[in-house]
Amino acid sequence: MTGTARQKENRHTSRATEVIAREAAQFIAREAGTESLITVIRAAAAPRGETINVFVSVFPEEKSSAALALLSRKREAFSDHLKSYARLRPLPRVDFLLDNRERLDEAGQ
């Protein structure tokens, strides 16, 4: 792959992660219940951009597994949301993961 092609792919992947993070935040705000607060922290592309991981924070922490289960069940609905509101082709697979860096930072102090 030439340098120019690699730069173009990196720009596309960067744009895709930004769009998916924004759309995930909007989707979660609309679809999640009031049991917990789910916040999108960031999105990161796996190598080659075929999968994008959306990292979320959940409060209270006891609701983390239930929140991730909800997001897993809603993955197809989120893909439909992306098809409607984001012009990303091809549409990458999106996985929701818990971002527990803050908790790790507190444990290290």
Protein backbone atom coordinates (compact mmCIF):
# COMPACT_ATOMS: atom_id res chain seq x y z
CA MET A 1 0.00 0.00 0.00
CA THR A 2 1.40 3.39 -0.95
CA GLY A 3 1.78 6.20 1.54
CA THR A 4 -1.08 8.17 -0.02
CA ALA A 5 -3.45 5.20 0.09
CA ARG A 6 -2.50 4.53 3.71
CA GLN A 7 -3.16 8.18 4.63
CA LYS A 8 -6.56 8.06 2.92
CA GLU A 9 -7.45 4.86 4.80
CA ASN A 10 -6.32 6.40 8.11
CA ARG A 11 -8.45 9.51 7.49
CA HIS A 12 -11.47 7.33 6.68
CA THR A 13 -10.94 5.22 9.81
CA SER A 14 -10.47 8.32 11.98
CA ARG A 15 -13.65 9.89 10.59
CA ALA A 16 -15.53 6.62 11.07
CA THR A 17 -14.52 6.37 14.74
CA GLU A 18 -15.60 9.97 15.37
CA VAL A 19 -18.96 9.48 13.66
CA ILE A 20 -19.61 6.17 15.42
CA ALA A 21 -18.73 7.61 18.86
CA ARG A 22 -21.12 10.55 18.31
CA GLU A 23 -23.92 8.37 16.96
CA ALA A 24 -23.41 5.80 19.75
CA ALA A 25 -23.84 8.53 22.37
CA GLN A 26 -27.08 9.69 20.75
CA PHE A 27 -28.36 6.13 20.33
CA ILE A 28 -27.56 5.17 23.93
CA ALA A 29 -29.20 8.33 25.28
CA ARG A 30 -32.39 7.39 23.44
CA GLU A 31 -32.39 3.61 24.00
CA ALA A 32 -30.94 3.08 27.48
CA GLY A 33 -33.20 3.11 30.48
CA THR A 34 -32.84 5.09 33.66
CA GLU A 35 -31.29 2.26 35.68
CA SER A 36 -27.77 3.52 34.97
CA LEU A 37 -25.86 6.29 33.27
CA ILE A 38 -24.01 5.04 30.19
CA THR A 39 -21.46 7.45 28.74
CA VAL A 40 -19.46 6.97 25.56
CA ILE A 41 -15.81 7.61 26.40
CA ARG A 42 -14.17 6.98 23.05
CA ALA A 43 -14.15 4.81 19.96
CA ALA A 44 -11.12 3.02 18.54
CA ALA A 45 -10.65 1.09 15.33
CA ALA A 46 -9.16 -2.36 15.29
CA PRO A 47 -6.45 -2.95 12.68
CA ARG A 48 -7.74 -2.41 9.13
CA GLY A 49 -10.87 -0.67 10.49
CA GLU A 50 -13.17 -3.67 10.10
CA THR A 51 -14.27 -3.42 13.74
CA ILE A 52 -14.71 -0.32 15.85
CA ASN A 53 -14.77 -0.66 19.61
CA VAL A 54 -16.93 1.84 21.47
CA PHE A 55 -15.75 2.25 25.05
CA VAL A 56 -18.39 3.21 27.60
CA SER A 57 -18.43 4.12 31.25
CA VAL A 58 -21.33 2.96 33.42
CA PHE A 59 -22.54 4.49 36.68
CA PRO A 60 -23.21 2.94 39.10
CA GLU A 61 -20.53 0.34 38.44
CA GLU A 62 -22.79 -2.46 39.73
CA LYS A 63 -24.91 -1.98 36.60
CA SER A 64 -21.96 -2.43 34.19
CA SER A 65 -22.71 -6.02 33.19
CA ALA A 66 -26.42 -5.26 32.65
CA ALA A 67 -25.55 -2.18 30.58
CA LEU A 68 -23.10 -4.11 28.39
CA ALA A 69 -25.69 -6.88 27.93
CA LEU A 70 -28.23 -4.25 26.81
CA LEU A 71 -25.76 -2.75 24.33
CA SER A 72 -24.93 -6.21 23.01
CA ARG A 73 -28.64 -6.94 22.45
CA LYS A 74 -29.09 -3.55 20.73
CA ARG A 75 -26.07 -3.93 18.41
CA GLU A 76 -28.25 -4.71 15.36
CA ALA A 77 -30.54 -1.75 16.12
CA PHE A 78 -27.44 0.44 16.39
CA SER A 79 -26.23 -0.81 13.00
CA ASP A 80 -29.62 0.15 11.55
CA HIS A 81 -29.26 3.56 13.22
CA LEU A 82 -25.83 3.99 11.60
CA LYS A 83 -27.22 3.03 8.19
CA SER A 84 -29.81 5.79 8.55
CA TYR A 85 -27.74 8.57 10.10
CA ALA A 86 -24.12 7.97 9.07
CA ARG A 87 -22.74 7.73 5.59
CA LEU A 88 -20.17 5.04 6.27
CA ARG A 89 -19.48 2.41 3.66
CA PRO A 90 -18.59 -0.28 4.31
CA LEU A 91 -20.25 -0.28 7.69
CA PRO A 92 -17.82 -1.67 10.29
CA ARG A 93 -18.77 -4.09 13.03
CA VAL A 94 -19.26 -2.23 16.31
CA ASP A 95 -18.49 -3.76 19.70
CA PHE A 96 -19.28 -2.08 23.01
CA LEU A 97 -16.68 -2.45 25.75
CA LEU A 98 -16.36 -1.18 29.29
CA ASP A 99 -13.73 1.52 29.74
CA ASN A 100 -12.42 0.96 33.24
CA ARG A 101 -9.28 3.12 32.98
CA GLU A 102 -10.64 5.57 35.53
CA ARG A 103 -11.09 2.79 38.05
CA LEU A 104 -7.56 1.54 37.33
CA ASP A 105 -6.19 5.08 37.80
CA GLU A 106 -7.88 5.31 41.20
CA ALA A 107 -6.48 1.92 42.26
CA GLY A 108 -2.95 2.99 41.33
CA GLN A 109 -3.03 6.13 43.47
